[in-house]
Amino acid sequence: MLIDVHVGEIVRLRKPHPCGSTDWQITRVGADIGLRCLGCGRRVLLPRDEFRRRAKCIVAPPEPPAGNRS
């Protein structure tokens, strides 16, 4: 599964975290993908190829900055 990810997006992984949550927020994009569990706040780094195998779908796009209104 080839997906283009951005910091701030919420993604759903195939297996649940031990806390029971399957949703993660992307905190870092590069050779590794940084993720923060939305259930317990745990942070992990996954190599990009492992992230592609584990990712199920993108749940929500990144939220726009609070101070910028048009």
N, C-alpha and C. Protein backbone atom coordinates (compact mmCIF):
# COMPACT_ATOMS: atom_id res chain seq x y z
N MET A 1 0.85 -1.17 0.00
CA MET A 1 0.00 0.00 0.00
C MET A 1 0.90 1.24 0.00
N LEU A 2 0.85 2.02 -1.04
CA LEU A 2 1.62 3.25 -1.12
C LEU A 2 0.72 4.41 -0.70
N ILE A 3 1.10 5.07 0.38
CA ILE A 3 0.33 6.22 0.83
C ILE A 3 1.26 7.37 1.13
N ASP A 4 0.80 8.57 0.82
CA ASP A 4 1.55 9.78 1.11
C ASP A 4 1.04 10.31 2.45
N VAL A 5 1.91 10.40 3.44
CA VAL A 5 1.49 10.82 4.77
C VAL A 5 2.11 12.15 5.14
N HIS A 6 1.43 12.88 6.01
CA HIS A 6 1.88 14.19 6.46
C HIS A 6 1.75 14.27 7.97
N VAL A 7 2.58 15.11 8.58
CA VAL A 7 2.54 15.32 10.02
C VAL A 7 1.15 15.83 10.40
N GLY A 8 0.58 15.26 11.45
CA GLY A 8 -0.72 15.68 11.95
C GLY A 8 -1.87 14.78 11.51
N GLU A 9 -1.66 13.95 10.50
CA GLU A 9 -2.73 13.06 10.05
C GLU A 9 -2.98 11.96 11.08
N ILE A 10 -4.20 11.48 11.12
CA ILE A 10 -4.58 10.36 11.98
C ILE A 10 -4.69 9.13 11.08
N VAL A 11 -3.96 8.07 11.44
CA VAL A 11 -3.99 6.83 10.66
C VAL A 11 -4.47 5.68 11.53
N ARG A 12 -5.04 4.68 10.88
CA ARG A 12 -5.49 3.47 11.58
C ARG A 12 -4.57 2.34 11.16
N LEU A 13 -4.03 1.63 12.16
CA LEU A 13 -3.15 0.49 11.88
C LEU A 13 -3.94 -0.80 11.97
N ARG A 14 -3.41 -1.86 11.38
CA ARG A 14 -4.12 -3.14 11.32
C ARG A 14 -4.30 -3.81 12.68
N LYS A 15 -3.26 -3.79 13.51
CA LYS A 15 -3.35 -4.43 14.82
C LYS A 15 -3.55 -3.37 15.89
N PRO A 16 -4.37 -3.63 16.90
CA PRO A 16 -4.54 -2.64 17.97
C PRO A 16 -3.32 -2.59 18.89
N HIS A 17 -3.10 -1.43 19.48
CA HIS A 17 -2.06 -1.23 20.49
C HIS A 17 -2.54 -1.95 21.76
N PRO A 18 -1.65 -2.35 22.66
CA PRO A 18 -2.08 -3.03 23.89
C PRO A 18 -3.11 -2.23 24.71
N CYS A 19 -3.14 -0.90 24.55
CA CYS A 19 -4.13 -0.10 25.27
C CYS A 19 -5.52 -0.23 24.64
N GLY A 20 -5.60 -0.82 23.44
CA GLY A 20 -6.89 -1.03 22.78
C GLY A 20 -7.16 -0.10 21.60
N SER A 21 -6.37 0.95 21.46
CA SER A 21 -6.58 1.91 20.38
C SER A 21 -5.93 1.44 19.08
N THR A 22 -6.56 1.76 17.95
CA THR A 22 -5.97 1.46 16.65
C THR A 22 -5.60 2.73 15.90
N ASP A 23 -5.92 3.90 16.47
CA ASP A 23 -5.66 5.18 15.80
C ASP A 23 -4.40 5.84 16.34
N TRP A 24 -3.60 6.38 15.41
CA TRP A 24 -2.32 7.00 15.74
C TRP A 24 -2.20 8.33 15.00
N GLN A 25 -1.53 9.30 15.61
CA GLN A 25 -1.26 10.58 14.96
C GLN A 25 0.18 10.58 14.49
N ILE A 26 0.41 11.02 13.26
CA ILE A 26 1.76 11.09 12.71
C ILE A 26 2.46 12.32 13.27
N THR A 27 3.64 12.11 13.87
CA THR A 27 4.40 13.20 14.47
C THR A 27 5.70 13.49 13.74
N ARG A 28 6.14 12.57 12.88
CA ARG A 28 7.41 12.75 12.17
C ARG A 28 7.34 11.99 10.85
N VAL A 29 7.86 12.61 9.79
CA VAL A 29 7.90 11.96 8.49
C VAL A 29 9.32 12.06 7.96
N GLY A 30 9.86 10.95 7.51
CA GLY A 30 11.22 10.90 6.97
C GLY A 30 11.52 9.46 6.63
N ALA A 31 12.75 9.02 6.87
CA ALA A 31 13.09 7.62 6.67
C ALA A 31 12.27 6.75 7.62
N ASP A 32 12.00 7.27 8.81
CA ASP A 32 11.13 6.62 9.79
C ASP A 32 9.87 7.47 9.95
N ILE A 33 8.79 6.82 10.33
CA ILE A 33 7.53 7.52 10.59
C ILE A 33 7.32 7.53 12.10
N GLY A 34 7.18 8.72 12.68
CA GLY A 34 6.90 8.85 14.10
C GLY A 34 5.41 8.84 14.34
N LEU A 35 4.96 8.06 15.31
CA LEU A 35 3.54 7.93 15.62
C LEU A 35 3.30 8.12 17.11
N ARG A 36 2.13 8.70 17.46
CA ARG A 36 1.71 8.84 18.85
C ARG A 36 0.34 8.19 18.98
N CYS A 37 0.23 7.24 19.90
CA CYS A 37 -1.03 6.54 20.13
C CYS A 37 -2.07 7.51 20.68
N LEU A 38 -3.26 7.51 20.11
CA LEU A 38 -4.32 8.41 20.58
C LEU A 38 -5.03 7.86 21.81
N GLY A 39 -4.76 6.61 22.18
CA GLY A 39 -5.36 6.04 23.37
C GLY A 39 -4.57 6.34 24.63
N CYS A 40 -3.25 6.13 24.57
CA CYS A 40 -2.43 6.27 25.78
C CYS A 40 -1.29 7.28 25.64
N GLY A 41 -1.03 7.77 24.42
CA GLY A 41 0.02 8.77 24.24
C GLY A 41 1.41 8.20 23.99
N ARG A 42 1.54 6.90 23.90
CA ARG A 42 2.84 6.26 23.65
C ARG A 42 3.37 6.69 22.28
N ARG A 43 4.69 6.95 22.20
CA ARG A 43 5.31 7.34 20.93
C ARG A 43 6.20 6.22 20.43
N VAL A 44 6.12 5.95 19.12
CA VAL A 44 6.95 4.93 18.50
C VAL A 44 7.48 5.46 17.17
N LEU A 45 8.60 4.89 16.73
CA LEU A 45 9.15 5.15 15.40
C LEU A 45 9.11 3.85 14.61
N LEU A 46 8.54 3.90 13.42
CA LEU A 46 8.49 2.73 12.55
C LEU A 46 9.24 3.04 11.26
N PRO A 47 10.05 2.10 10.78
CA PRO A 47 10.63 2.30 9.45
C PRO A 47 9.50 2.44 8.42
N ARG A 48 9.73 3.22 7.39
CA ARG A 48 8.70 3.53 6.40
C ARG A 48 8.08 2.26 5.78
N ASP A 49 8.89 1.26 5.45
CA ASP A 49 8.34 0.05 4.83
C ASP A 49 7.46 -0.74 5.80
N GLU A 50 7.83 -0.76 7.08
CA GLU A 50 7.00 -1.43 8.08
C GLU A 50 5.70 -0.66 8.29
N PHE A 51 5.76 0.67 8.29
CA PHE A 51 4.56 1.49 8.41
C PHE A 51 3.60 1.20 7.26
N ARG A 52 4.12 1.08 6.04
CA ARG A 52 3.27 0.78 4.88
C ARG A 52 2.55 -0.55 5.04
N ARG A 53 3.22 -1.54 5.61
CA ARG A 53 2.59 -2.85 5.82
C ARG A 53 1.51 -2.78 6.89
N ARG A 54 1.75 -2.01 7.94
CA ARG A 54 0.82 -1.96 9.07
C ARG A 54 -0.35 -1.00 8.88
N ALA A 55 -0.19 0.00 8.01
CA ALA A 55 -1.23 1.02 7.85
C ALA A 55 -2.46 0.44 7.16
N LYS A 56 -3.63 0.78 7.69
CA LYS A 56 -4.89 0.32 7.12
C LYS A 56 -5.54 1.44 6.31
N CYS A 57 -5.65 2.64 6.90
CA CYS A 57 -6.24 3.78 6.20
C CYS A 57 -5.91 5.08 6.93
N ILE A 58 -6.13 6.18 6.23
CA ILE A 58 -5.99 7.50 6.85
C ILE A 58 -7.37 7.89 7.34
N VAL A 59 -7.50 8.16 8.64
CA VAL A 59 -8.79 8.46 9.25
C VAL A 59 -9.14 9.93 9.09
N ALA A 60 -8.17 10.82 9.35
CA ALA A 60 -8.45 12.26 9.30
C ALA A 60 -7.23 13.00 8.78
N PRO A 61 -7.46 14.05 7.97
CA PRO A 61 -6.35 14.87 7.50
C PRO A 61 -5.80 15.72 8.64
N PRO A 62 -4.62 16.33 8.45
CA PRO A 62 -4.08 17.17 9.52
C PRO A 62 -4.97 18.38 9.77
N GLU A 63 -5.03 18.81 11.03
CA GLU A 63 -5.83 19.98 11.38
C GLU A 63 -5.07 21.24 10.98
N PRO A 64 -5.77 22.25 10.43
CA PRO A 64 -5.09 23.50 10.08
C PRO A 64 -4.66 24.23 11.35
N PRO A 65 -3.62 25.07 11.27
CA PRO A 65 -3.19 25.84 12.44
C PRO A 65 -4.33 26.71 12.97
N ALA A 66 -4.42 26.86 14.28
CA ALA A 66 -5.53 27.58 14.91
C ALA A 66 -5.51 29.07 14.63
N GLY A 67 -4.34 29.67 14.48
CA GLY A 67 -4.24 31.12 14.33
C GLY A 67 -4.48 31.64 12.93
N ASN A 68 -4.49 30.80 11.91
CA ASN A 68 -4.63 31.27 10.53
C ASN A 68 -6.07 31.13 10.07
N ARG A 69 -6.74 32.27 9.95
CA ARG A 69 -8.11 32.27 9.43
C ARG A 69 -8.14 33.12 8.17
N SER A 70 -8.88 32.66 7.18
CA SER A 70 -8.97 33.41 5.92
C SER A 70 -10.31 34.10 5.82
